[in-house]
Amino acid sequence: MASNTWLVAGLGNPGSGYAHNRHNVGQMVLDELAQRVGGSFKSHKANAQVLEGRLGIGGPRLVLAKPMTYMNVSGGPVAGLARFFDVDPLRIVAIHDEIDIPFNTIKLKLGGGEGGHNGLRDISKALSTKDYYRVRVGVGRPPGRMDTADFVLRDFGTAERKDLPFLLDDAADAAELLIREGLQAAQLKFHGA
């Protein structure tokens, strides 16, 4: 059973004050996936909100998870859920904000560095491996000399909010394609020419 289970973690910060921040784009994507899967999130003892479902009829089993910790300590809930649902790190997908790629861009990868992303760093530490998938949702770089932390803890701008639903939809598509057809197929579609 567990061999066909994927853990998809949408990273962000808990609470309504952070809900629309750039840093919470991973949880926004998870809300889009939840609508597609159907059902609602329920509290889990691993300090996360969890929704279990399938990716289409007869498709892989999904555990959609929103850690209820702050971003920088996402590792505990992700590792706890991986143990609880017996999910190998190679079947974990972390969906997160990425300042190193432009807004409205999606990149996917397996393993590698965390690029200064403390949420990913904590997950890598808790899993004792960097070898899990990442769906990197571009939020762009801070303007001028703005501090990166201040930038990601701000809501999307007015112009960005017009395109945000399309970005969330694309990121959800990218996660689904990664799970259904593998990393290469998803990269071919979303990394462009």
Protein backbone atom coordinates (compact mmCIF):
# COMPACT_ATOMS: atom_id res chain seq x y z
CA MET A 1 0.00 0.00 0.00
CA ALA A 2 2.64 2.53 1.06
CA SER A 3 4.73 1.91 -2.06
CA ASN A 4 2.15 3.83 -4.11
CA THR A 5 1.72 6.63 -1.55
CA TRP A 6 3.12 10.11 -2.12
CA LEU A 7 3.52 12.74 0.59
CA VAL A 8 3.05 16.24 -0.83
CA ALA A 9 3.97 18.99 1.63
CA GLY A 10 2.98 22.59 0.99
CA LEU A 11 5.35 24.80 2.94
CA GLY A 12 4.34 28.02 4.68
CA ASN A 13 3.61 29.61 8.03
CA PRO A 14 0.50 28.91 10.12
CA GLY A 15 -2.21 31.47 10.81
CA SER A 16 -4.33 33.89 8.82
CA GLY A 17 -1.76 36.69 9.09
CA TYR A 18 0.60 34.75 6.80
CA ALA A 19 -1.97 33.12 4.52
CA HIS A 20 -1.40 35.36 1.48
CA ASN A 21 2.37 35.91 1.86
CA ARG A 22 4.77 34.86 -0.88
CA HIS A 23 6.31 32.46 1.66
CA ASN A 24 2.97 30.59 1.83
CA VAL A 25 2.64 29.88 -1.88
CA GLY A 26 3.31 26.18 -1.19
CA GLN A 27 0.22 25.97 1.00
CA MET A 28 -1.78 27.89 -1.62
CA VAL A 29 -0.81 25.23 -4.19
CA LEU A 30 -1.87 22.54 -1.72
CA ASP A 31 -5.30 24.16 -1.48
CA GLU A 32 -5.57 23.86 -5.28
CA LEU A 33 -4.57 20.18 -5.14
CA ALA A 34 -7.06 19.60 -2.32
CA GLN A 35 -9.88 20.96 -4.48
CA ARG A 36 -8.92 18.52 -7.22
CA VAL A 37 -8.65 15.53 -4.86
CA GLY A 38 -11.77 16.42 -2.87
CA GLY A 39 -12.16 16.30 0.88
CA SER A 40 -10.94 18.54 3.64
CA PHE A 41 -7.83 18.88 5.77
CA LYS A 42 -7.87 17.33 9.23
CA SER A 43 -5.46 17.75 12.13
CA HIS A 44 -2.79 15.07 12.42
CA LYS A 45 -0.67 14.23 15.46
CA ALA A 46 2.46 15.05 13.43
CA ASN A 47 1.58 18.76 13.82
CA ALA A 48 0.14 19.10 10.33
CA GLN A 49 -3.15 19.45 8.51
CA VAL A 50 -3.58 16.37 6.31
CA LEU A 51 -5.89 15.33 3.49
CA GLU A 52 -5.72 11.78 2.13
CA GLY A 53 -7.00 10.97 -1.33
CA ARG A 54 -6.14 9.63 -4.76
CA LEU A 55 -4.77 11.29 -7.86
CA GLY A 56 -7.64 10.30 -10.12
CA ILE A 57 -9.53 7.02 -10.13
CA GLY A 58 -7.12 4.21 -9.35
CA GLY A 59 -4.23 6.68 -9.25
CA PRO A 60 -1.53 6.96 -6.64
CA ARG A 61 -2.54 7.58 -3.05
CA LEU A 62 -1.78 11.14 -1.95
CA VAL A 63 -1.18 12.52 1.51
CA LEU A 64 -1.45 16.30 1.17
CA ALA A 65 0.14 17.98 4.19
CA LYS A 66 0.43 21.50 5.53
CA PRO A 67 2.89 21.62 8.42
CA MET A 68 1.38 23.70 11.23
CA THR A 69 4.81 24.83 12.38
CA TYR A 70 6.64 27.89 11.15
CA MET A 71 8.45 27.46 7.84
CA ASN A 72 11.92 27.17 9.37
CA VAL A 73 10.90 24.07 11.38
CA SER A 74 8.94 22.21 8.68
CA GLY A 75 11.15 19.13 8.99
CA GLY A 76 9.55 17.63 12.09
CA PRO A 77 6.04 17.39 10.63
CA VAL A 78 7.27 16.19 7.21
CA ALA A 79 9.52 13.49 8.72
CA GLY A 80 6.79 12.49 11.19
CA LEU A 81 4.25 12.06 8.39
CA ALA A 82 6.77 10.13 6.27
CA ARG A 83 7.22 7.69 9.17
CA PHE A 84 3.49 7.50 9.95
CA PHE A 85 2.47 6.79 6.33
CA ASP A 86 5.65 4.76 5.58
CA VAL A 87 6.67 7.03 2.68
CA ASP A 88 10.21 6.87 1.31
CA PRO A 89 11.89 10.29 0.78
CA LEU A 90 11.87 9.58 -2.98
CA ARG A 91 8.07 9.81 -2.78
CA ILE A 92 8.04 13.15 -0.96
CA VAL A 93 7.29 16.38 -2.82
CA ALA A 94 7.93 19.72 -1.10
CA ILE A 95 6.14 22.64 -2.74
CA HIS A 96 7.73 25.95 -1.77
CA ASP A 97 8.43 29.57 -2.68
CA GLU A 98 11.63 30.25 -4.59
CA ILE A 99 13.19 33.73 -4.87
CA ASP A 100 15.89 32.58 -7.30
CA ILE A 101 13.44 32.17 -10.17
CA PRO A 102 11.09 34.83 -11.58
CA PHE A 103 7.49 35.19 -10.46
CA ASN A 104 5.12 33.02 -12.50
CA THR A 105 7.81 30.39 -13.16
CA ILE A 106 7.91 26.80 -11.95
CA LYS A 107 10.96 24.58 -11.72
CA LEU A 108 11.21 21.02 -10.44
CA LYS A 109 14.16 19.08 -9.11
CA LEU A 110 15.23 16.10 -7.06
CA GLY A 111 17.66 16.72 -4.24
CA GLY A 112 20.47 19.23 -4.43
CA GLY A 113 21.01 22.29 -2.32
CA GLU A 114 18.39 24.25 -0.44
CA GLY A 115 19.44 27.64 -1.84
CA GLY A 116 19.24 29.30 1.56
CA HIS A 117 15.65 28.13 2.07
CA ASN A 118 15.44 27.33 5.79
CA GLY A 119 12.28 25.24 5.43
CA LEU A 120 14.02 22.93 2.97
CA ARG A 121 17.16 22.86 5.11
CA ASP A 122 15.08 21.69 8.09
CA ILE A 123 13.33 19.01 6.02
CA SER A 124 16.68 17.71 4.71
CA LYS A 125 18.00 17.55 8.28
CA ALA A 126 14.89 15.78 9.62
CA LEU A 127 14.84 13.24 6.76
CA SER A 128 18.64 12.79 6.88
CA THR A 129 18.68 13.21 3.09
CA LYS A 130 18.33 15.90 0.44
CA ASP A 131 16.91 13.34 -1.99
CA TYR A 132 13.25 14.34 -2.15
CA TYR A 133 11.40 16.23 -4.88
CA ARG A 134 10.85 19.96 -4.90
CA VAL A 135 8.30 21.97 -6.85
CA ARG A 136 9.85 25.43 -6.80
CA VAL A 137 7.29 28.20 -7.29
CA GLY A 138 8.92 31.43 -8.43
CA VAL A 139 8.10 34.51 -6.38
CA GLY A 140 10.90 36.70 -7.78
CA ARG A 141 13.66 38.60 -6.03
CA PRO A 142 13.18 41.43 -3.54
CA PRO A 143 13.28 44.87 -5.15
CA GLY A 144 16.27 47.12 -4.50
CA ARG A 145 17.90 46.42 -1.15
CA MET A 146 14.82 44.98 0.54
CA ASP A 147 15.60 42.20 2.99
CA THR A 148 14.68 38.76 1.64
CA ALA A 149 12.76 37.82 4.80
CA ASP A 150 10.70 41.04 4.61
CA PHE A 151 9.95 40.34 0.94
CA VAL A 152 8.74 36.75 1.34
CA LEU A 153 6.64 37.70 4.37
CA ARG A 154 4.68 40.23 2.30
CA ASP A 155 1.56 39.52 0.32
CA PHE A 156 1.76 39.34 -3.46
CA GLY A 157 1.46 42.71 -5.20
CA THR A 158 -1.64 43.84 -7.09
CA ALA A 159 -0.29 42.90 -10.53
CA GLU A 160 0.96 39.54 -9.23
CA ARG A 161 -2.42 38.73 -7.68
CA LYS A 162 -4.01 38.82 -11.15
CA ASP A 163 -1.67 36.04 -12.33
CA LEU A 164 -1.52 34.12 -9.04
CA PRO A 165 -4.46 31.75 -9.77
CA PHE A 166 -2.72 30.66 -12.99
CA LEU A 167 0.58 30.15 -11.16
CA LEU A 168 -1.10 28.03 -8.47
CA ASP A 169 -2.90 25.99 -11.13
CA ASP A 170 0.35 25.41 -13.04
CA ALA A 171 2.21 24.42 -9.86
CA ALA A 172 -0.52 21.91 -9.00
CA ASP A 173 -0.31 20.55 -12.56
CA ALA A 174 3.47 20.26 -12.17
CA ALA A 175 3.13 18.27 -8.93
CA GLU A 176 0.54 15.95 -10.51
CA LEU A 177 2.68 15.38 -13.63
CA LEU A 178 5.75 14.68 -11.48
CA ILE A 179 3.83 12.02 -9.55
CA ARG A 180 2.10 10.49 -12.59
CA GLU A 181 4.88 10.55 -15.20
CA GLY A 182 8.13 11.37 -13.40
CA LEU A 183 10.54 14.24 -13.04
CA GLN A 184 11.76 14.35 -16.63
CA ALA A 185 8.25 14.66 -18.10
CA ALA A 186 7.39 17.43 -15.64
CA GLN A 187 10.65 19.28 -16.32
CA LEU A 188 10.12 19.06 -20.09
CA LYS A 189 6.71 20.66 -19.77
CA PHE A 190 7.44 23.31 -17.16
CA HIS A 191 11.06 24.29 -17.78
CA GLY A 192 10.27 25.38 -21.35
CA ALA A 193 12.66 25.62 -24.25
